[in-house]
Amino acid sequence: MTLTLTDRARTSAPASAPASEAVPAPVLAPRRAAGREADGLAVASFVLGLVGLLAFNLLLGPTAIVMALLSLARRTRRPGRAYLGLALGVADLAVLAVLVTVNGTVSWNLGG
C-alpha cells in the first residue's frame, strides 16, 4: 500500500475538524527541467548556426532554426542566444543560396 500526498492530508487533519475544512497539502509534481532543456536548445541552435556558416549549412541551418524556435516556444531564459541561433540559421541558408548561385551547383567549395 502506497501513501500519497492526498492520503497524508486526509490523515493529518484533526479528528474533530470536519472533512470540508481539511485543506489538502499542495501536490508537488516532480518538475522536469524544462527551463534547462530550453536553455540547452538555445545554446545548441547558436552553436549549430555558427558552425553552419562554415560547413554543412544545408543541414545545420534549418536545424538551428527549428531548435531556436523550440527554445523560444518553451520560454528559455536565454532568448538572446535563441534569437542569434535563429538569425545564424537564416544566414546559413542565405550563404548557401549565394554560393550555389555563384557556383551553379548544390555542392560548393571556396577553393575556386
Protein backbone atom coordinates (compact mmCIF):
# COMPACT_ATOMS: atom_id res chain seq x y z
CA MET A 1 0.00 0.00 0.00
CA THR A 2 1.44 3.33 -1.01
CA LEU A 3 0.62 6.52 0.81
CA THR A 4 0.20 9.51 -1.49
CA LEU A 5 0.14 13.19 -0.60
CA THR A 6 -3.65 13.28 -0.64
CA ASP A 7 -3.80 10.35 1.78
CA ARG A 8 -1.39 12.14 4.13
CA ALA A 9 -3.53 15.28 4.01
CA ARG A 10 -6.60 13.34 4.97
CA THR A 11 -4.91 11.51 7.81
CA SER A 12 -3.14 14.62 9.13
CA ALA A 13 -6.38 16.58 9.62
CA PRO A 14 -7.53 16.66 13.22
CA ALA A 15 -10.26 14.18 14.06
CA SER A 16 -12.53 16.95 15.39
CA ALA A 17 -12.35 19.04 12.20
CA PRO A 18 -14.99 18.37 9.55
CA ALA A 19 -13.82 16.97 6.25
CA SER A 20 -14.76 20.18 4.41
CA GLU A 21 -12.25 22.22 6.48
CA ALA A 22 -9.34 19.88 5.87
CA VAL A 23 -7.06 21.59 3.38
CA PRO A 24 -5.11 19.12 1.29
CA ALA A 25 -1.39 19.65 1.03
CA PRO A 26 -0.26 21.05 -2.33
CA VAL A 27 0.74 18.34 -4.72
CA LEU A 28 4.28 18.95 -5.86
CA ALA A 29 4.79 17.01 -9.04
CA PRO A 30 8.39 16.46 -9.98
CA ARG A 31 9.09 19.34 -12.31
CA ARG A 32 11.01 18.42 -15.39
CA ALA A 33 13.97 20.53 -16.19
CA ALA A 34 12.08 22.29 -18.98
CA GLY A 35 13.97 25.52 -18.39
CA ARG A 36 17.32 23.80 -18.63
CA GLU A 37 16.20 21.92 -21.71
CA ALA A 38 15.07 25.13 -23.40
CA ASP A 39 18.36 26.83 -22.46
CA GLY A 40 20.25 23.90 -23.97
CA LEU A 41 18.24 24.20 -27.16
CA ALA A 42 19.03 27.91 -27.35
CA VAL A 43 22.77 27.31 -26.95
CA ALA A 44 22.71 24.39 -29.40
CA SER A 45 20.92 26.48 -32.02
CA PHE A 46 23.52 29.23 -31.62
CA VAL A 47 26.42 26.77 -31.98
CA LEU A 48 24.88 24.94 -34.92
CA GLY A 49 24.12 28.21 -36.68
CA LEU A 50 27.68 29.37 -36.14
CA VAL A 51 29.23 26.13 -37.38
CA GLY A 52 26.75 26.09 -40.27
CA LEU A 53 28.29 29.27 -41.66
CA LEU A 54 31.45 27.28 -42.35
CA ALA A 55 30.24 23.80 -43.29
CA PHE A 56 27.08 21.73 -43.78
CA ASN A 57 24.85 24.79 -43.91
CA LEU A 58 22.18 22.90 -45.83
CA LEU A 59 21.70 20.65 -42.80
CA LEU A 60 22.75 22.85 -39.88
CA GLY A 61 20.85 25.99 -40.93
CA PRO A 62 17.34 24.53 -40.74
CA THR A 63 18.29 22.57 -37.62
CA ALA A 64 19.41 25.77 -35.90
CA ILE A 65 16.17 27.48 -36.92
CA VAL A 66 13.99 24.69 -35.55
CA MET A 67 15.95 24.47 -32.28
CA ALA A 68 15.76 28.24 -31.79
CA LEU A 69 12.02 28.28 -32.35
CA LEU A 70 11.54 25.37 -29.95
CA SER A 71 13.58 27.08 -27.24
CA LEU A 72 11.63 30.32 -27.68
CA ALA A 73 8.34 28.40 -27.50
CA ARG A 74 9.49 26.75 -24.27
CA ARG A 75 10.36 30.15 -22.79
CA THR A 76 14.10 29.89 -22.47
CA ARG A 77 15.98 32.05 -20.01
CA ARG A 78 18.44 32.80 -22.83
CA PRO A 79 16.30 34.39 -25.54
CA GLY A 80 19.26 36.32 -26.91
CA ARG A 81 21.07 33.12 -27.81
CA ALA A 82 17.91 31.69 -29.30
CA TYR A 83 17.43 34.77 -31.48
CA LEU A 84 21.10 34.62 -32.51
CA GLY A 85 20.69 30.93 -33.39
CA LEU A 86 17.63 31.82 -35.44
CA ALA A 87 19.47 34.61 -37.25
CA LEU A 88 22.52 32.43 -37.86
CA GLY A 89 20.30 29.63 -39.21
CA VAL A 90 18.73 32.05 -41.69
CA ALA A 91 22.21 33.37 -42.54
CA ASP A 92 23.33 29.78 -43.21
CA LEU A 93 20.60 29.39 -45.79
CA ALA A 94 21.39 32.79 -47.30
CA VAL A 95 25.09 31.90 -47.61
CA LEU A 96 24.13 28.59 -49.20
CA ALA A 97 21.87 30.35 -51.70
CA VAL A 98 24.61 32.83 -52.65
CA LEU A 99 27.29 30.16 -53.02
CA VAL A 100 25.01 27.87 -55.03
CA THR A 101 24.09 30.78 -57.30
CA VAL A 102 27.74 31.64 -57.86
CA ASN A 103 28.87 28.05 -58.47
CA GLY A 104 25.70 26.83 -60.19
CA THR A 105 25.63 23.53 -58.25
CA VAL A 106 24.41 22.34 -54.88
CA SER A 107 27.91 21.27 -53.93
CA TRP A 108 30.10 24.30 -53.39
CA ASN A 109 33.66 24.98 -52.41
CA LEU A 110 35.63 28.05 -51.54
CA GLY A 111 38.78 26.94 -53.37
CA GLY A 112 37.69 28.35 -56.73
